[in-house]
mmCIF file of all heavy atoms, coordinates in Angstrom:
data_MODEL
# 
_entry.id   MODEL 
# 
loop_
_atom_site.group_PDB 
_atom_site.id 
_atom_site.type_symbol 
_atom_site.label_atom_id 
_atom_site.label_alt_id 
_atom_site.label_comp_id 
_atom_site.label_asym_id 
_atom_site.label_entity_id 
_atom_site.label_seq_id 
_atom_site.pdbx_PDB_ins_code 
_atom_site.Cartn_x 
_atom_site.Cartn_y 
_atom_site.Cartn_z 
_atom_site.occupancy 
_atom_site.B_iso_or_equiv 
_atom_site.pdbx_formal_charge 
_atom_site.auth_seq_id 
_atom_site.auth_comp_id 
_atom_site.auth_asym_id 
_atom_site.auth_atom_id 
_atom_site.pdbx_PDB_model_num 
ATOM 1   N N   . ARG A 1 1  ? 77.762 126.254 -5.239  1.00 0.00 ? 1  ARG A N   1 
ATOM 2   C CA  . ARG A 1 1  ? 78.951 125.397 -5.312  1.00 0.00 ? 1  ARG A CA  1 
ATOM 3   C C   . ARG A 1 1  ? 79.876 125.692 -4.114  1.00 0.00 ? 1  ARG A C   1 
ATOM 4   O O   . ARG A 1 1  ? 80.035 126.858 -3.669  1.00 0.00 ? 1  ARG A O   1 
ATOM 5   C CB  . ARG A 1 1  ? 79.644 125.736 -6.592  1.00 0.00 ? 1  ARG A CB  1 
ATOM 6   C CG  . ARG A 1 1  ? 80.917 124.856 -6.833  1.00 0.00 ? 1  ARG A CG  1 
ATOM 7   C CD  . ARG A 1 1  ? 81.508 125.083 -8.226  1.00 0.00 ? 1  ARG A CD  1 
ATOM 8   N NE  . ARG A 1 1  ? 80.612 124.565 -9.226  1.00 0.00 ? 1  ARG A NE  1 
ATOM 9   C CZ  . ARG A 1 1  ? 80.647 123.275 -9.623  1.00 0.00 ? 1  ARG A CZ  1 
ATOM 10  N NH1 . ARG A 1 1  ? 81.506 122.453 -9.069  1.00 0.00 ? 1  ARG A NH1 1 
ATOM 11  N NH2 . ARG A 1 1  ? 79.815 122.868 -10.550 1.00 0.00 ? 1  ARG A NH2 1 
ATOM 12  N N   . VAL A 1 2  ? 80.425 124.612 -3.606  1.00 0.00 ? 2  VAL A N   1 
ATOM 13  C CA  . VAL A 1 2  ? 81.396 124.767 -2.481  1.00 0.00 ? 2  VAL A CA  1 
ATOM 14  C C   . VAL A 1 2  ? 82.765 124.456 -2.954  1.00 0.00 ? 2  VAL A C   1 
ATOM 15  O O   . VAL A 1 2  ? 82.974 123.700 -3.936  1.00 0.00 ? 2  VAL A O   1 
ATOM 16  C CB  . VAL A 1 2  ? 81.006 123.747 -1.309  1.00 0.00 ? 2  VAL A CB  1 
ATOM 17  C CG1 . VAL A 1 2  ? 79.672 124.108 -0.705  1.00 0.00 ? 2  VAL A CG1 1 
ATOM 18  C CG2 . VAL A 1 2  ? 81.001 122.324 -1.815  1.00 0.00 ? 2  VAL A CG2 1 
ATOM 19  N N   . ASN A 1 3  ? 83.748 125.062 -2.349  1.00 0.00 ? 3  ASN A N   1 
ATOM 20  C CA  . ASN A 1 3  ? 85.117 124.892 -2.794  1.00 0.00 ? 3  ASN A CA  1 
ATOM 21  C C   . ASN A 1 3  ? 85.673 123.466 -2.417  1.00 0.00 ? 3  ASN A C   1 
ATOM 22  O O   . ASN A 1 3  ? 85.372 122.968 -1.343  1.00 0.00 ? 3  ASN A O   1 
ATOM 23  C CB  . ASN A 1 3  ? 86.000 125.946 -2.149  1.00 0.00 ? 3  ASN A CB  1 
ATOM 24  C CG  . ASN A 1 3  ? 85.680 127.331 -2.649  1.00 0.00 ? 3  ASN A CG  1 
ATOM 25  O OD1 . ASN A 1 3  ? 85.313 127.501 -3.782  1.00 0.00 ? 3  ASN A OD1 1 
ATOM 26  N ND2 . ASN A 1 3  ? 85.800 128.315 -1.779  1.00 0.00 ? 3  ASN A ND2 1 
ATOM 27  N N   . GLU A 1 4  ? 86.491 122.939 -3.313  1.00 0.00 ? 4  GLU A N   1 
ATOM 28  C CA  . GLU A 1 4  ? 87.068 121.623 -3.057  1.00 0.00 ? 4  GLU A CA  1 
ATOM 29  C C   . GLU A 1 4  ? 88.236 121.823 -2.128  1.00 0.00 ? 4  GLU A C   1 
ATOM 30  O O   . GLU A 1 4  ? 89.036 122.736 -2.245  1.00 0.00 ? 4  GLU A O   1 
ATOM 31  C CB  . GLU A 1 4  ? 87.548 121.025 -4.348  1.00 0.00 ? 4  GLU A CB  1 
ATOM 32  C CG  . GLU A 1 4  ? 88.121 119.618 -4.238  1.00 0.00 ? 4  GLU A CG  1 
ATOM 33  C CD  . GLU A 1 4  ? 88.440 119.058 -5.616  1.00 0.00 ? 4  GLU A CD  1 
ATOM 34  O OE1 . GLU A 1 4  ? 87.768 119.368 -6.581  1.00 0.00 ? 4  GLU A OE1 1 
ATOM 35  O OE2 . GLU A 1 4  ? 89.427 118.253 -5.655  1.00 0.00 ? 4  GLU A OE2 1 
ATOM 36  N N   . THR A 1 5  ? 88.352 120.898 -1.091  1.00 0.00 ? 5  THR A N   1 
ATOM 37  C CA  . THR A 1 5  ? 89.427 120.958 -0.130  1.00 0.00 ? 5  THR A CA  1 
ATOM 38  C C   . THR A 1 5  ? 90.140 119.630 -0.086  1.00 0.00 ? 5  THR A C   1 
ATOM 39  O O   . THR A 1 5  ? 89.800 118.708 -0.796  1.00 0.00 ? 5  THR A O   1 
ATOM 40  C CB  . THR A 1 5  ? 88.879 121.272 1.284   1.00 0.00 ? 5  THR A CB  1 
ATOM 41  O OG1 . THR A 1 5  ? 88.080 120.201 1.685   1.00 0.00 ? 5  THR A OG1 1 
ATOM 42  C CG2 . THR A 1 5  ? 88.038 122.595 1.263   1.00 0.00 ? 5  THR A CG2 1 
ATOM 43  N N   . VAL A 1 6  ? 91.174 119.588 0.763   1.00 0.00 ? 6  VAL A N   1 
ATOM 44  C CA  . VAL A 1 6  ? 91.951 118.343 0.927   1.00 0.00 ? 6  VAL A CA  1 
ATOM 45  C C   . VAL A 1 6  ? 91.031 117.188 1.413   1.00 0.00 ? 6  VAL A C   1 
ATOM 46  O O   . VAL A 1 6  ? 91.214 116.025 1.053   1.00 0.00 ? 6  VAL A O   1 
ATOM 47  C CB  . VAL A 1 6  ? 93.135 118.564 1.880   1.00 0.00 ? 6  VAL A CB  1 
ATOM 48  C CG1 . VAL A 1 6  ? 93.872 117.245 2.095   1.00 0.00 ? 6  VAL A CG1 1 
ATOM 49  C CG2 . VAL A 1 6  ? 94.034 119.611 1.353   1.00 0.00 ? 6  VAL A CG2 1 
ATOM 50  N N   . GLY A 1 7  ? 90.020 117.525 2.219   1.00 0.00 ? 7  GLY A N   1 
ATOM 51  C CA  . GLY A 1 7  ? 89.166 116.515 2.776   1.00 0.00 ? 7  GLY A CA  1 
ATOM 52  C C   . GLY A 1 7  ? 88.005 116.148 1.838   1.00 0.00 ? 7  GLY A C   1 
ATOM 53  O O   . GLY A 1 7  ? 87.203 115.210 2.244   1.00 0.00 ? 7  GLY A O   1 
ATOM 54  N N   . THR A 1 8  ? 87.861 116.729 0.719   1.00 0.00 ? 8  THR A N   1 
ATOM 55  C CA  . THR A 1 8  ? 86.792 116.346 -0.202  1.00 0.00 ? 8  THR A CA  1 
ATOM 56  C C   . THR A 1 8  ? 86.988 115.009 -0.809  1.00 0.00 ? 8  THR A C   1 
ATOM 57  O O   . THR A 1 8  ? 88.097 114.667 -1.297  1.00 0.00 ? 8  THR A O   1 
ATOM 58  C CB  . THR A 1 8  ? 86.743 117.399 -1.344  1.00 0.00 ? 8  THR A CB  1 
ATOM 59  O OG1 . THR A 1 8  ? 86.460 118.753 -0.803  1.00 0.00 ? 8  THR A OG1 1 
ATOM 60  C CG2 . THR A 1 8  ? 85.555 117.073 -2.311  1.00 0.00 ? 8  THR A CG2 1 
ATOM 61  N N   . LEU A 1 9  ? 85.936 114.189 -0.774  1.00 0.00 ? 9  LEU A N   1 
ATOM 62  C CA  . LEU A 1 9  ? 86.028 112.816 -1.354  1.00 0.00 ? 9  LEU A CA  1 
ATOM 63  C C   . LEU A 1 9  ? 86.067 112.946 -2.851  1.00 0.00 ? 9  LEU A C   1 
ATOM 64  O O   . LEU A 1 9  ? 85.204 113.509 -3.485  1.00 0.00 ? 9  LEU A O   1 
ATOM 65  C CB  . LEU A 1 9  ? 84.813 112.020 -0.910  1.00 0.00 ? 9  LEU A CB  1 
ATOM 66  C CG  . LEU A 1 9  ? 84.689 110.624 -1.573  1.00 0.00 ? 9  LEU A CG  1 
ATOM 67  C CD1 . LEU A 1 9  ? 85.733 109.690 -1.039  1.00 0.00 ? 9  LEU A CD1 1 
ATOM 68  C CD2 . LEU A 1 9  ? 83.288 110.000 -1.302  1.00 0.00 ? 9  LEU A CD2 1 
ATOM 69  N N   . ARG A 1 10 ? 87.101 112.341 -3.421  1.00 0.00 ? 10 ARG A N   1 
ATOM 70  C CA  . ARG A 1 10 ? 87.241 112.299 -4.883  1.00 0.00 ? 10 ARG A CA  1 
ATOM 71  C C   . ARG A 1 10 ? 86.288 111.228 -5.476  1.00 0.00 ? 10 ARG A C   1 
ATOM 72  O O   . ARG A 1 10 ? 86.313 110.086 -5.036  1.00 0.00 ? 10 ARG A O   1 
ATOM 73  C CB  . ARG A 1 10 ? 88.655 112.045 -5.356  1.00 0.00 ? 10 ARG A CB  1 
ATOM 74  C CG  . ARG A 1 10 ? 89.626 113.188 -5.029  1.00 0.00 ? 10 ARG A CG  1 
ATOM 75  C CD  . ARG A 1 10 ? 90.929 113.020 -5.685  1.00 0.00 ? 10 ARG A CD  1 
ATOM 76  N NE  . ARG A 1 10 ? 90.787 112.881 -7.126  1.00 0.00 ? 10 ARG A NE  1 
ATOM 77  C CZ  . ARG A 1 10 ? 91.814 112.669 -7.967  1.00 0.00 ? 10 ARG A CZ  1 
ATOM 78  N NH1 . ARG A 1 10 ? 93.060 112.448 -7.494  1.00 0.00 ? 10 ARG A NH1 1 
ATOM 79  N NH2 . ARG A 1 10 ? 91.564 112.583 -9.270  1.00 0.00 ? 10 ARG A NH2 1 
ATOM 80  N N   . THR A 1 11 ? 85.535 111.618 -6.494  1.00 0.00 ? 11 THR A N   1 
ATOM 81  C CA  . THR A 1 11 ? 84.618 110.655 -7.108  1.00 0.00 ? 11 THR A CA  1 
ATOM 82  C C   . THR A 1 11 ? 84.996 110.399 -8.591  1.00 0.00 ? 11 THR A C   1 
ATOM 83  O O   . THR A 1 11 ? 84.149 109.964 -9.385  1.00 0.00 ? 11 THR A O   1 
ATOM 84  C CB  . THR A 1 11 ? 83.179 111.210 -7.073  1.00 0.00 ? 11 THR A CB  1 
ATOM 85  O OG1 . THR A 1 11 ? 83.129 112.504 -7.733  1.00 0.00 ? 11 THR A OG1 1 
ATOM 86  C CG2 . THR A 1 11 ? 82.698 111.331 -5.661  1.00 0.00 ? 11 THR A CG2 1 
ATOM 87  N N   . ASP A 1 12 ? 86.263 110.593 -8.914  1.00 0.00 ? 12 ASP A N   1 
ATOM 88  C CA  . ASP A 1 12 ? 86.710 110.432 -10.282 1.00 0.00 ? 12 ASP A CA  1 
ATOM 89  C C   . ASP A 1 12 ? 87.932 109.596 -10.378 1.00 0.00 ? 12 ASP A C   1 
ATOM 90  O O   . ASP A 1 12 ? 88.727 109.658 -11.343 1.00 0.00 ? 12 ASP A O   1 
ATOM 91  C CB  . ASP A 1 12 ? 86.997 111.794 -10.929 1.00 0.00 ? 12 ASP A CB  1 
ATOM 92  C CG  . ASP A 1 12 ? 88.034 112.559 -10.178 1.00 0.00 ? 12 ASP A CG  1 
ATOM 93  O OD1 . ASP A 1 12 ? 88.559 112.079 -9.097  1.00 0.00 ? 12 ASP A OD1 1 
ATOM 94  O OD2 . ASP A 1 12 ? 88.428 113.690 -10.599 1.00 0.00 ? 12 ASP A OD2 1 
ATOM 95  N N   . ASN A 1 13 ? 88.154 108.691 -9.391  1.00 0.00 ? 13 ASN A N   1 
ATOM 96  C CA  . ASN A 1 13 ? 89.350 107.824 -9.430  1.00 0.00 ? 13 ASN A CA  1 
ATOM 97  C C   . ASN A 1 13 ? 88.983 106.365 -9.256  1.00 0.00 ? 13 ASN A C   1 
ATOM 98  O O   . ASN A 1 13 ? 87.802 105.952 -9.158  1.00 0.00 ? 13 ASN A O   1 
ATOM 99  C CB  . ASN A 1 13 ? 90.310 108.214 -8.320  1.00 0.00 ? 13 ASN A CB  1 
ATOM 100 C CG  . ASN A 1 13 ? 89.695 108.168 -6.903  1.00 0.00 ? 13 ASN A CG  1 
ATOM 101 O OD1 . ASN A 1 13 ? 88.668 107.598 -6.760  1.00 0.00 ? 13 ASN A OD1 1 
ATOM 102 N ND2 . ASN A 1 13 ? 90.318 108.813 -5.979  1.00 0.00 ? 13 ASN A ND2 1 
ATOM 103 N N   . VAL A 1 14 ? 89.970 105.452 -9.331  1.00 0.00 ? 14 VAL A N   1 
ATOM 104 C CA  . VAL A 1 14 ? 89.759 104.029 -9.291  1.00 0.00 ? 14 VAL A CA  1 
ATOM 105 C C   . VAL A 1 14 ? 89.150 103.595 -7.968  1.00 0.00 ? 14 VAL A C   1 
ATOM 106 O O   . VAL A 1 14 ? 88.276 102.720 -7.955  1.00 0.00 ? 14 VAL A O   1 
ATOM 107 C CB  . VAL A 1 14 ? 91.110 103.291 -9.554  1.00 0.00 ? 14 VAL A CB  1 
ATOM 108 C CG1 . VAL A 1 14 ? 90.930 101.792 -9.426  1.00 0.00 ? 14 VAL A CG1 1 
ATOM 109 C CG2 . VAL A 1 14 ? 91.638 103.647 -10.954 1.00 0.00 ? 14 VAL A CG2 1 
ATOM 110 N N   . VAL A 1 15 ? 89.565 104.181 -6.918  1.00 0.00 ? 15 VAL A N   1 
ATOM 111 C CA  . VAL A 1 15 ? 89.080 103.794 -5.569  1.00 0.00 ? 15 VAL A CA  1 
ATOM 112 C C   . VAL A 1 15 ? 87.580 103.993 -5.515  1.00 0.00 ? 15 VAL A C   1 
ATOM 113 O O   . VAL A 1 15 ? 86.813 103.091 -5.063  1.00 0.00 ? 15 VAL A O   1 
ATOM 114 C CB  . VAL A 1 15 ? 89.761 104.594 -4.454  1.00 0.00 ? 15 VAL A CB  1 
ATOM 115 C CG1 . VAL A 1 15 ? 89.119 104.267 -3.103  1.00 0.00 ? 15 VAL A CG1 1 
ATOM 116 C CG2 . VAL A 1 15 ? 91.268 104.248 -4.422  1.00 0.00 ? 15 VAL A CG2 1 
ATOM 117 N N   . PHE A 1 16 ? 87.129 105.137 -5.966  1.00 0.00 ? 16 PHE A N   1 
ATOM 118 C CA  . PHE A 1 16 ? 85.623 105.365 -5.887  1.00 0.00 ? 16 PHE A CA  1 
ATOM 119 C C   . PHE A 1 16 ? 84.896 104.461 -6.865  1.00 0.00 ? 16 PHE A C   1 
ATOM 120 O O   . PHE A 1 16 ? 83.738 104.058 -6.561  1.00 0.00 ? 16 PHE A O   1 
ATOM 121 C CB  . PHE A 1 16 ? 85.325 106.851 -6.183  1.00 0.00 ? 16 PHE A CB  1 
ATOM 122 C CG  . PHE A 1 16 ? 83.865 107.166 -5.987  1.00 0.00 ? 16 PHE A CG  1 
ATOM 123 C CD1 . PHE A 1 16 ? 83.387 107.375 -4.725  1.00 0.00 ? 16 PHE A CD1 1 
ATOM 124 C CD2 . PHE A 1 16 ? 82.980 107.234 -7.047  1.00 0.00 ? 16 PHE A CD2 1 
ATOM 125 C CE1 . PHE A 1 16 ? 82.047 107.665 -4.512  1.00 0.00 ? 16 PHE A CE1 1 
ATOM 126 C CE2 . PHE A 1 16 ? 81.680 107.543 -6.872  1.00 0.00 ? 16 PHE A CE2 1 
ATOM 127 C CZ  . PHE A 1 16 ? 81.160 107.737 -5.570  1.00 0.00 ? 16 PHE A CZ  1 
ATOM 128 N N   . THR A 1 17 ? 85.500 104.131 -8.005  1.00 0.00 ? 17 THR A N   1 
ATOM 129 C CA  . THR A 1 17 ? 84.870 103.170 -8.907  1.00 0.00 ? 17 THR A CA  1 
ATOM 130 C C   . THR A 1 17 ? 84.594 101.866 -8.234  1.00 0.00 ? 17 THR A C   1 
ATOM 131 O O   . THR A 1 17 ? 83.471 101.317 -8.370  1.00 0.00 ? 17 THR A O   1 
ATOM 132 C CB  . THR A 1 17 ? 85.753 102.953 -10.138 1.00 0.00 ? 17 THR A CB  1 
ATOM 133 O OG1 . THR A 1 17 ? 85.950 104.222 -10.848 1.00 0.00 ? 17 THR A OG1 1 
ATOM 134 C CG2 . THR A 1 17 ? 85.122 101.964 -11.110 1.00 0.00 ? 17 THR A CG2 1 
ATOM 135 N N   . LEU A 1 18 ? 85.592 101.349 -7.512  1.00 0.00 ? 18 LEU A N   1 
ATOM 136 C CA  . LEU A 1 18 ? 85.437 100.124 -6.800  1.00 0.00 ? 18 LEU A CA  1 
ATOM 137 C C   . LEU A 1 18 ? 84.418 100.205 -5.673  1.00 0.00 ? 18 LEU A C   1 
ATOM 138 O O   . LEU A 1 18 ? 83.630 99.323  -5.426  1.00 0.00 ? 18 LEU A O   1 
ATOM 139 C CB  . LEU A 1 18 ? 86.801 99.604  -6.249  1.00 0.00 ? 18 LEU A CB  1 
ATOM 140 C CG  . LEU A 1 18 ? 87.839 99.317  -7.294  1.00 0.00 ? 18 LEU A CG  1 
ATOM 141 C CD1 . LEU A 1 18 ? 89.151 98.946  -6.612  1.00 0.00 ? 18 LEU A CD1 1 
ATOM 142 C CD2 . LEU A 1 18 ? 87.378 98.212  -8.213  1.00 0.00 ? 18 LEU A CD2 1 
ATOM 143 N N   . ILE A 1 19 ? 84.406 101.350 -4.961  1.00 0.00 ? 19 ILE A N   1 
ATOM 144 C CA  . ILE A 1 19 ? 83.414 101.599 -3.912  1.00 0.00 ? 19 ILE A CA  1 
ATOM 145 C C   . ILE A 1 19 ? 81.996 101.560 -4.499  1.00 0.00 ? 19 ILE A C   1 
ATOM 146 O O   . ILE A 1 19 ? 81.098 100.937 -3.943  1.00 0.00 ? 19 ILE A O   1 
ATOM 147 C CB  . ILE A 1 19 ? 83.707 102.925 -3.250  1.00 0.00 ? 19 ILE A CB  1 
ATOM 148 C CG1 . ILE A 1 19 ? 84.944 102.933 -2.394  1.00 0.00 ? 19 ILE A CG1 1 
ATOM 149 C CG2 . ILE A 1 19 ? 82.484 103.362 -2.336  1.00 0.00 ? 19 ILE A CG2 1 
ATOM 150 C CD1 . ILE A 1 19 ? 85.338 104.276 -1.820  1.00 0.00 ? 19 ILE A CD1 1 
ATOM 151 N N   . LEU A 1 20 ? 81.857 102.165 -5.663  1.00 0.00 ? 20 LEU A N   1 
ATOM 152 C CA  . LEU A 1 20 ? 80.535 102.236 -6.308  1.00 0.00 ? 20 LEU A CA  1 
ATOM 153 C C   . LEU A 1 20 ? 80.058 100.841 -6.678  1.00 0.00 ? 20 LEU A C   1 
ATOM 154 O O   . LEU A 1 20 ? 78.885 100.520 -6.495  1.00 0.00 ? 20 LEU A O   1 
ATOM 155 C CB  . LEU A 1 20 ? 80.615 103.149 -7.530  1.00 0.00 ? 20 LEU A CB  1 
ATOM 156 C CG  . LEU A 1 20 ? 79.357 103.321 -8.387  1.00 0.00 ? 20 LEU A CG  1 
ATOM 157 C CD1 . LEU A 1 20 ? 78.249 103.860 -7.516  1.00 0.00 ? 20 LEU A CD1 1 
ATOM 158 C CD2 . LEU A 1 20 ? 79.590 104.277 -9.562  1.00 0.00 ? 20 LEU A CD2 1 
ATOM 159 N N   . VAL A 1 21 ? 81.014 100.026 -7.235  1.00 0.00 ? 21 VAL A N   1 
ATOM 160 C CA  . VAL A 1 21 ? 80.585 98.654  -7.635  1.00 0.00 ? 21 VAL A CA  1 
ATOM 161 C C   . VAL A 1 21 ? 80.152 97.859  -6.397  1.00 0.00 ? 21 VAL A C   1 
ATOM 162 O O   . VAL A 1 21 ? 79.141 97.158  -6.391  1.00 0.00 ? 21 VAL A O   1 
ATOM 163 C CB  . VAL A 1 21 ? 81.778 97.948  -8.311  1.00 0.00 ? 21 VAL A CB  1 
ATOM 164 C CG1 . VAL A 1 21 ? 81.516 96.452  -8.538  1.00 0.00 ? 21 VAL A CG1 1 
ATOM 165 C CG2 . VAL A 1 21 ? 82.057 98.581  -9.651  1.00 0.00 ? 21 VAL A CG2 1 
ATOM 166 N N   . PHE A 1 22 ? 80.887 97.999  -5.268  1.00 0.00 ? 22 PHE A N   1 
ATOM 167 C CA  . PHE A 1 22 ? 80.543 97.287  -4.056  1.00 0.00 ? 22 PHE A CA  1 
ATOM 168 C C   . PHE A 1 22 ? 79.215 97.770  -3.477  1.00 0.00 ? 22 PHE A C   1 
ATOM 169 O O   . PHE A 1 22 ? 78.445 96.939  -3.006  1.00 0.00 ? 22 PHE A O   1 
ATOM 170 C CB  . PHE A 1 22 ? 81.662 97.413  -3.005  1.00 0.00 ? 22 PHE A CB  1 
ATOM 171 C CG  . PHE A 1 22 ? 82.805 96.417  -3.236  1.00 0.00 ? 22 PHE A CG  1 
ATOM 172 C CD1 . PHE A 1 22 ? 84.059 96.924  -3.652  1.00 0.00 ? 22 PHE A CD1 1 
ATOM 173 C CD2 . PHE A 1 22 ? 82.653 95.083  -3.054  1.00 0.00 ? 22 PHE A CD2 1 
ATOM 174 C CE1 . PHE A 1 22 ? 85.122 96.040  -3.875  1.00 0.00 ? 22 PHE A CE1 1 
ATOM 175 C CE2 . PHE A 1 22 ? 83.701 94.197  -3.224  1.00 0.00 ? 22 PHE A CE2 1 
ATOM 176 C CZ  . PHE A 1 22 ? 84.951 94.686  -3.696  1.00 0.00 ? 22 PHE A CZ  1 
ATOM 177 N N   . VAL A 1 23 ? 78.974 99.016  -3.561  1.00 0.00 ? 23 VAL A N   1 
ATOM 178 C CA  . VAL A 1 23 ? 77.708 99.593  -3.015  1.00 0.00 ? 23 VAL A CA  1 
ATOM 179 C C   . VAL A 1 23 ? 76.527 98.998  -3.853  1.00 0.00 ? 23 VAL A C   1 
ATOM 180 O O   . VAL A 1 23 ? 75.501 98.604  -3.232  1.00 0.00 ? 23 VAL A O   1 
ATOM 181 C CB  . VAL A 1 23 ? 77.701 101.124 -3.085  1.00 0.00 ? 23 VAL A CB  1 
ATOM 182 C CG1 . VAL A 1 23 ? 76.284 101.634 -2.881  1.00 0.00 ? 23 VAL A CG1 1 
ATOM 183 C CG2 . VAL A 1 23 ? 78.601 101.666 -2.041  1.00 0.00 ? 23 VAL A CG2 1 
ATOM 184 N N   . VAL A 1 24 ? 76.641 98.954  -5.156  1.00 0.00 ? 24 VAL A N   1 
ATOM 185 C CA  . VAL A 1 24 ? 75.596 98.394  -5.986  1.00 0.00 ? 24 VAL A CA  1 
ATOM 186 C C   . VAL A 1 24 ? 75.349 96.912  -5.634  1.00 0.00 ? 24 VAL A C   1 
ATOM 187 O O   . VAL A 1 24 ? 74.198 96.505  -5.422  1.00 0.00 ? 24 VAL A O   1 
ATOM 188 C CB  . VAL A 1 24 ? 75.964 98.534  -7.448  1.00 0.00 ? 24 VAL A CB  1 
ATOM 189 C CG1 . VAL A 1 24 ? 74.939 97.787  -8.341  1.00 0.00 ? 24 VAL A CG1 1 
ATOM 190 C CG2 . VAL A 1 24 ? 75.986 100.008 -7.873  1.00 0.00 ? 24 VAL A CG2 1 
ATOM 191 N N   . TYR A 1 25 ? 76.402 96.158  -5.542  1.00 0.00 ? 25 TYR A N   1 
ATOM 192 C CA  . TYR A 1 25 ? 76.245 94.710  -5.250  1.00 0.00 ? 25 TYR A CA  1 
ATOM 193 C C   . TYR A 1 25 ? 75.711 94.474  -3.811  1.00 0.00 ? 25 TYR A C   1 
ATOM 194 O O   . TYR A 1 25 ? 74.848 93.598  -3.598  1.00 0.00 ? 25 TYR A O   1 
ATOM 195 C CB  . TYR A 1 25 ? 77.569 93.977  -5.403  1.00 0.00 ? 25 TYR A CB  1 
ATOM 196 C CG  . TYR A 1 25 ? 77.866 93.529  -6.832  1.00 0.00 ? 25 TYR A CG  1 
ATOM 197 C CD1 . TYR A 1 25 ? 79.124 93.784  -7.396  1.00 0.00 ? 25 TYR A CD1 1 
ATOM 198 C CD2 . TYR A 1 25 ? 76.935 92.911  -7.549  1.00 0.00 ? 25 TYR A CD2 1 
ATOM 199 C CE1 . TYR A 1 25 ? 79.384 93.410  -8.694  1.00 0.00 ? 25 TYR A CE1 1 
ATOM 200 C CE2 . TYR A 1 25 ? 77.180 92.488  -8.889  1.00 0.00 ? 25 TYR A CE2 1 
ATOM 201 C CZ  . TYR A 1 25 ? 78.419 92.732  -9.440  1.00 0.00 ? 25 TYR A CZ  1 
ATOM 202 O OH  . TYR A 1 25 ? 78.700 92.333  -10.692 1.00 0.00 ? 25 TYR A OH  1 
# 
């Protein structure tokens, strides 16, 4: 496991949800 930093991409918010939908489509 690596430590989470300020530059770590969050995968638990609305922005990533929309990114995921667009990637699938």
